[in-house]
PDB file of N, CA and C in Angstrom:
ATOM      1  N   UNK A   1       0.848  -1.177   0.000  1.00  0.00           N
ATOM      2  CA  UNK A   1       0.000   0.000   0.000  1.00  0.00           C
ATOM      3  C   UNK A   1       0.893   1.240   0.000  1.00  0.00           C
ATOM      4  N   UNK A   2       0.541   2.195  -0.846  1.00  0.00           N
ATOM      5  CA  UNK A   2       1.297   3.440  -0.885  1.00  0.00           C
ATOM      6  C   UNK A   2       0.782   4.374   0.209  1.00  0.00           C
ATOM      7  N   UNK A   3       1.601   5.337   0.533  1.00  0.00           N
ATOM      8  CA  UNK A   3       1.212   6.285   1.581  1.00  0.00           C
ATOM      9  C   UNK A   3      -0.015   7.091   1.161  1.00  0.00           C
ATOM     10  N   UNK A   4      -0.159   7.339  -0.138  1.00  0.00           N
ATOM     11  CA  UNK A   4      -1.327   8.093  -0.611  1.00  0.00           C
ATOM     12  C   UNK A   4      -2.627   7.379  -0.284  1.00  0.00           C
ATOM     13  N   UNK A   5      -2.578   6.062  -0.222  1.00  0.00           N
ATOM     14  CA  UNK A   5      -3.784   5.281   0.045  1.00  0.00           C
ATOM     15  C   UNK A   5      -3.922   4.923   1.523  1.00  0.00           C
ATOM     16  N   UNK A   6      -2.964   5.300   2.321  1.00  0.00           N
ATOM     17  CA  UNK A   6      -2.985   4.965   3.744  1.00  0.00           C
ATOM     18  C   UNK A   6      -4.035   5.792   4.475  1.00  0.00           C
ATOM     19  N   UNK A   7      -4.504   5.296   5.602  1.00  0.00           N
ATOM     20  CA  UNK A   7      -5.444   6.082   6.414  1.00  0.00           C
ATOM     21  C   UNK A   7      -4.791   7.378   6.884  1.00  0.00           C
ATOM     22  N   UNK A   8      -5.622   8.364   7.176  1.00  0.00           N
ATOM     23  CA  UNK A   8      -5.114   9.683   7.591  1.00  0.00           C
ATOM     24  C   UNK A   8      -4.200   9.607   8.801  1.00  0.00           C
ATOM     25  N   UNK A   9      -4.524   8.727   9.761  1.00  0.00           N
ATOM     26  CA  UNK A   9      -3.685   8.637  10.957  1.00  0.00           C
ATOM     27  C   UNK A   9      -2.285   8.112  10.647  1.00  0.00           C
ATOM     28  N   UNK A  10      -2.174   7.253   9.641  1.00  0.00           N
ATOM     29  CA  UNK A  10      -0.857   6.756   9.231  1.00  0.00           C
ATOM     30  C   UNK A  10      -0.073   7.872   8.543  1.00  0.00           C
ATOM     31  N   UNK A  11      -0.743   8.624   7.698  1.00  0.00           N
ATOM     32  CA  UNK A  11      -0.087   9.756   7.032  1.00  0.00           C
ATOM     33  C   UNK A  11       0.426  10.767   8.046  1.00  0.00           C
ATOM     34  N   UNK A  12      -0.406  11.077   9.040  1.00  0.00           N
ATOM     35  CA  UNK A  12      -0.010  12.027  10.072  1.00  0.00           C
ATOM     36  C   UNK A  12       1.162  11.474  10.885  1.00  0.00           C
ATOM     37  N   UNK A  13       1.112  10.210  11.234  1.00  0.00           N
ATOM     38  CA  UNK A  13       2.203   9.597  11.995  1.00  0.00           C
ATOM     39  C   UNK A  13       3.516   9.678  11.224  1.00  0.00           C
ATOM     40  N   UNK A  14       3.474   9.395   9.946  1.00  0.00           N
ATOM     41  CA  UNK A  14       4.682   9.470   9.116  1.00  0.00           C
ATOM     42  C   UNK A  14       5.205  10.906   9.089  1.00  0.00           C
ATOM     43  N   UNK A  15       4.310  11.860   8.919  1.00  0.00           N
ATOM     44  CA  UNK A  15       4.720  13.277   8.920  1.00  0.00           C
ATOM     45  C   UNK A  15       5.370  13.673  10.245  1.00  0.00           C
ATOM     46  N   UNK A  16       4.774  13.240  11.346  1.00  0.00           N
ATOM     47  CA  UNK A  16       5.328  13.576  12.655  1.00  0.00           C
ATOM     48  C   UNK A  16       6.702  12.936  12.867  1.00  0.00           C
ATOM     49  N   UNK A  17       6.830  11.683  12.476  1.00  0.00           N
ATOM     50  CA  UNK A  17       8.126  11.003  12.594  1.00  0.00           C
ATOM     51  C   UNK A  17       9.180  11.728  11.776  1.00  0.00           C
ATOM     52  N   UNK A  18       8.838  12.095  10.557  1.00  0.00           N
ATOM     53  CA  UNK A  18       9.793  12.803   9.707  1.00  0.00           C
ATOM     54  C   UNK A  18      10.187  14.138  10.326  1.00  0.00           C
ATOM     55  N   UNK A  19       9.221  14.862  10.867  1.00  0.00           N
ATOM     56  CA  UNK A  19       9.500  16.153  11.494  1.00  0.00           C
ATOM     57  C   UNK A  19      10.446  15.988  12.686  1.00  0.00           C
ATOM     58  N   UNK A  20      10.164  15.025  13.524  1.00  0.00           N
ATOM     59  CA  UNK A  20      11.010  14.785  14.697  1.00  0.00           C
ATOM     60  C   UNK A  20      12.421  14.369  14.280  1.00  0.00           C
ATOM     61  N   UNK A  21      12.512  13.513  13.280  1.00  0.00           N
ATOM     62  CA  UNK A  21      13.830  13.053  12.830  1.00  0.00           C
ATOM     63  C   UNK A  21      14.613  14.170  12.146  1.00  0.00           C
ATOM     64  N   UNK A  22      13.941  14.983  11.347  1.00  0.00           N
ATOM     65  CA  UNK A  22      14.619  16.085  10.655  1.00  0.00           C
ATOM     66  C   UNK A  22      15.200  17.093  11.633  1.00  0.00           C
ATOM     67  N   UNK A  23      14.560  17.239  12.767  1.00  0.00           N
ATOM     68  CA  UNK A  23      15.030  18.185  13.769  1.00  0.00           C
ATOM     69  C   UNK A  23      15.891  17.519  14.838  1.00  0.00           C
ATOM     70  N   UNK A  24      16.202  16.252  14.624  1.00  0.00           N
ATOM     71  CA  UNK A  24      17.070  15.483  15.527  1.00  0.00           C
ATOM     72  C   UNK A  24      16.611  15.588  16.983  1.00  0.00           C
ATOM     73  N   UNK A  25      15.304  15.436  17.185  1.00  0.00           N
ATOM     74  CA  UNK A  25      14.747  15.498  18.526  1.00  0.00           C
ATOM     75  C   UNK A  25      15.144  14.215  19.263  1.00  0.00           C
ATOM     76  N   UNK A  26      15.718  14.350  20.448  1.00  0.00           N
ATOM     77  CA  UNK A  26      16.078  13.153  21.214  1.00  0.00           C
ATOM     78  C   UNK A  26      14.843  12.291  21.496  1.00  0.00           C
ATOM     79  N   UNK A  27      15.039  11.001  21.521  1.00  0.00           N
ATOM     80  CA  UNK A  27      13.929  10.066  21.698  1.00  0.00           C
ATOM     81  C   UNK A  27      13.111  10.368  22.943  1.00  0.00           C
ATOM     82  N   UNK A  28      13.771  10.570  24.072  1.00  0.00           N
ATOM     83  CA  UNK A  28      13.040  10.810  25.315  1.00  0.00           C
ATOM     84  C   UNK A  28      12.229  12.098  25.255  1.00  0.00           C
ATOM     85  N   UNK A  29      12.766  13.114  24.618  1.00  0.00           N
ATOM     86  CA  UNK A  29      12.045  14.379  24.461  1.00  0.00           C
ATOM     87  C   UNK A  29      10.818  14.180  23.583  1.00  0.00           C
ATOM     88  N   UNK A  30      10.979  13.465  22.487  1.00  0.00           N
ATOM     89  CA  UNK A  30       9.853  13.214  21.587  1.00  0.00           C
ATOM     90  C   UNK A  30       8.758  12.416  22.285  1.00  0.00           C
ATOM     91  N   UNK A  31       9.143  11.398  23.025  1.00  0.00           N
ATOM     92  CA  UNK A  31       8.150  10.586  23.722  1.00  0.00           C
ATOM     93  C   UNK A  31       7.415  11.398  24.789  1.00  0.00           C
ATOM     94  N   UNK A  32       8.137  12.226  25.517  1.00  0.00           N
ATOM     95  CA  UNK A  32       7.509  13.067  26.538  1.00  0.00           C
ATOM     96  C   UNK A  32       6.546  14.059  25.892  1.00  0.00           C
ATOM     97  N   UNK A  33       6.947  14.654  24.784  1.00  0.00           N
ATOM     98  CA  UNK A  33       6.085  15.601  24.073  1.00  0.00           C
ATOM     99  C   UNK A  33       4.841  14.896  23.536  1.00  0.00           C
ATOM    100  N   UNK A  34       5.018  13.709  23.006  1.00  0.00           N
ATOM    101  CA  UNK A  34       3.875  12.955  22.476  1.00  0.00           C
ATOM    102  C   UNK A  34       2.896  12.575  23.585  1.00  0.00           C
ATOM    103  N   UNK A  35       3.411  12.288  24.784  1.00  0.00           N
ATOM    104  CA  UNK A  35       2.524  12.027  25.922  1.00  0.00           C
ATOM    105  C   UNK A  35       1.674  13.254  26.230  1.00  0.00           C
ATOM    106  N   UNK A  36       2.292  14.429  26.191  1.00  0.00           N
ATOM    107  CA  UNK A  36       1.568  15.679  26.443  1.00  0.00           C
ATOM    108  C   UNK A  36       0.500  15.897  25.380  1.00  0.00           C
ATOM    109  N   UNK A  37       0.858  15.686  24.132  1.00  0.00           N
ATOM    110  CA  UNK A  37      -0.089  15.851  23.023  1.00  0.00           C
ATOM    111  C   UNK A  37      -1.247  14.868  23.173  1.00  0.00           C
ATOM    112  N   UNK A  38      -0.927  13.626  23.503  1.00  0.00           N
ATOM    113  CA  UNK A  38      -1.976  12.605  23.675  1.00  0.00           C
ATOM    114  C   UNK A  38      -2.955  13.011  24.776  1.00  0.00           C
ATOM    115  N   UNK A  39      -2.437  13.437  25.918  1.00  0.00           N
ATOM    116  CA  UNK A  39      -3.307  13.852  27.017  1.00  0.00           C
ATOM    117  C   UNK A  39      -4.174  15.038  26.615  1.00  0.00           C
ATOM    118  N   UNK A  40      -3.604  15.975  25.887  1.00  0.00           N
ATOM    119  CA  UNK A  40      -4.364  17.135  25.428  1.00  0.00           C
ATOM    120  C   UNK A  40      -5.514  16.714  24.518  1.00  0.00           C
ATOM    121  N   UNK A  41      -5.221  15.823  23.588  1.00  0.00           N
ATOM    122  CA  UNK A  41      -6.264  15.388  22.664  1.00  0.00           C
ATOM    123  C   UNK A  41      -7.304  14.496  23.336  1.00  0.00           C
ATOM    124  N   UNK A  42      -6.895  13.737  24.352  1.00  0.00           N
ATOM    125  CA  UNK A  42      -7.876  12.961  25.105  1.00  0.00           C
ATOM    126  C   UNK A  42      -8.825  13.887  25.856  1.00  0.00           C
ATOM    127  N   UNK A  43      -8.284  14.984  26.422  1.00  0.00           N
ATOM    128  CA  UNK A  43      -9.139  15.982  27.085  1.00  0.00           C
ATOM    129  C   UNK A  43     -10.123  16.600  26.088  1.00  0.00           C
ATOM    130  N   UNK A  44      -9.610  16.934  24.906  1.00  0.00           N
ATOM    131  CA  UNK A  44     -10.483  17.520  23.882  1.00  0.00           C
ATOM    132  C   UNK A  44     -11.576  16.533  23.470  1.00  0.00           C
ATOM    133  N   UNK A  45     -11.207  15.270  23.348  1.00  0.00           N
ATOM    134  CA  UNK A  45     -12.175  14.247  22.965  1.00  0.00           C
ATOM    135  C   UNK A  45     -13.266  14.110  24.027  1.00  0.00           C
ATOM    136  N   UNK A  46     -12.878  14.107  25.301  1.00  0.00           N
ATOM    137  CA  UNK A  46     -13.853  14.019  26.382  1.00  0.00           C
ATOM    138  C   UNK A  46     -14.796  15.220  26.371  1.00  0.00           C
ATOM    139  N   UNK A  47     -14.235  16.403  26.139  1.00  0.00           N
ATOM    140  CA  UNK A  47     -15.047  17.623  26.091  1.00  0.00           C
ATOM    141  C   UNK A  47     -16.026  17.567  24.918  1.00  0.00           C
ATOM    142  N   UNK A  48     -15.564  17.083  23.782  1.00  0.00           N
ATOM    143  CA  UNK A  48     -16.446  16.968  22.622  1.00  0.00           C
ATOM    144  C   UNK A  48     -17.583  15.986  22.884  1.00  0.00           C
ATOM    145  N   UNK A  49     -17.250  14.861  23.524  1.00  0.00           N
ATOM    146  CA  UNK A  49     -18.254  13.861  23.834  1.00  0.00           C
ATOM    147  C   UNK A  49     -19.263  14.384  24.851  1.00  0.00           C
ATOM    148  N   UNK A  50     -18.785  15.150  25.811  1.00  0.00           N
ATOM    149  CA  UNK A  50     -19.664  15.712  26.833  1.00  0.00           C
ATOM    150  C   UNK A  50     -20.627  16.735  26.245  1.00  0.00           C
ATOM    151  N   UNK A  51     -20.147  17.506  25.286  1.00  0.00           N
ATOM    152  CA  UNK A  51     -20.995  18.546  24.706  1.00  0.00           C
ATOM    153  C   UNK A  51     -21.959  18.002  23.660  1.00  0.00           C
ATOM    154  N   UNK A  52     -21.675  16.818  23.136  1.00  0.00           N
ATOM    155  CA  UNK A  52     -22.562  16.260  22.113  1.00  0.00           C
ATOM    156  C   UNK A  52     -23.568  15.274  22.689  1.00  0.00           C
ATOM    157  N   UNK A  53     -23.421  14.932  23.941  1.00  0.00           N
ATOM    158  CA  UNK A  53     -24.299  13.900  24.482  1.00  0.00           C
ATOM    159  C   UNK A  53     -24.994  14.328  25.671  1.00  0.00           C
TER     160      UNK A  53
END
């Protein structure tokens, strides 16, 4: 499967990996930042679910 046909989340993941690698972000820093991003988006998801239901 080509990237053009991949699901959006795979495309985004590839873009993020490339961005982190291009900027030579240390692994631990990238993982810590991704944890922060994940928590932020989980909060947003909960808020969206609360407001729609």
